[in-house]
Amino acid sequence: MAERRTDPTVRVRLLEGAARLLAEEGPSALTLRRVASEANTSTMGVYTHFGSMADLADAVVTEGFARLAARLAEVPRTDNAITDLAGLARAYLVNARQNPHLYAVMFGTAPLGMYRPQTADERKRGRYAFEEIVETCGRAVKQRRLRAADPLAIASQLWTAMHGYVMADVGGYFGEDGTEHVLVPMLVTMLSGLGADPDTALESIKTLTATDATPL
């Protein structure tokens, strides 16, 4: 019996199962039977929902960035752009912890092998998520909380540092104290270098360790 496309859980299970196989075993594990088994569905389900294995691998990357963008969009905007940057940093970290296999695939830590997208447009699929950070950096400059500089350059530096921290955090290198002893000092140091007052920056990003927020 053919899979019913109307069941959205099958598509999600296929995406998450494929991401798990790629992250834990590599592209050689991404076979029709293995993916179907991971998703507890039939092999026909892959073709019903994605058309081919290559399309499934491509959709895994797209799904990863879509979840990240949705998480970042949930961060409330305030009149303090540095506080908002801290909120985006928290959302970025929480998303990676909740979707570790997707995170590994979307940024290339888990290789896609023969399924890797080749076009420049496909490699830029995460740009819409990055734009949230660029916009917030631009507001920080306008508010004179950071010195005048290209918001894209500022965002690129902050995202690169944040990505490095998150990769280590998801890998379990920092333990329970990573946010307080690594992430917060790292952000304060970077923001200070970008023109923020260190004490003000520390106060602005205290949401990273707030007890009433999503636990980190």
Foldseek 3Di string as FASTA:
>chain_A
DADDLPPVLLLVQLLLQQLVCLQPPAQVQQDLVSSCVSSVHHSNSCCVHQNDSLSSLLVLLLVLLVLLLVLLVPQDDDLALLLNLLSNLLSNLVSCLVRVSSVCSNVCVRPNPPSDDDDPVSNCSNVSSLVSQLVSLVSCCVVVQFPDDRSVVLSVVVVVVSVVLSVCVSVPNCPQCCCVPPVLVVQLVSSVVRPHDSVVSSVSNCVSVDPPDDRD
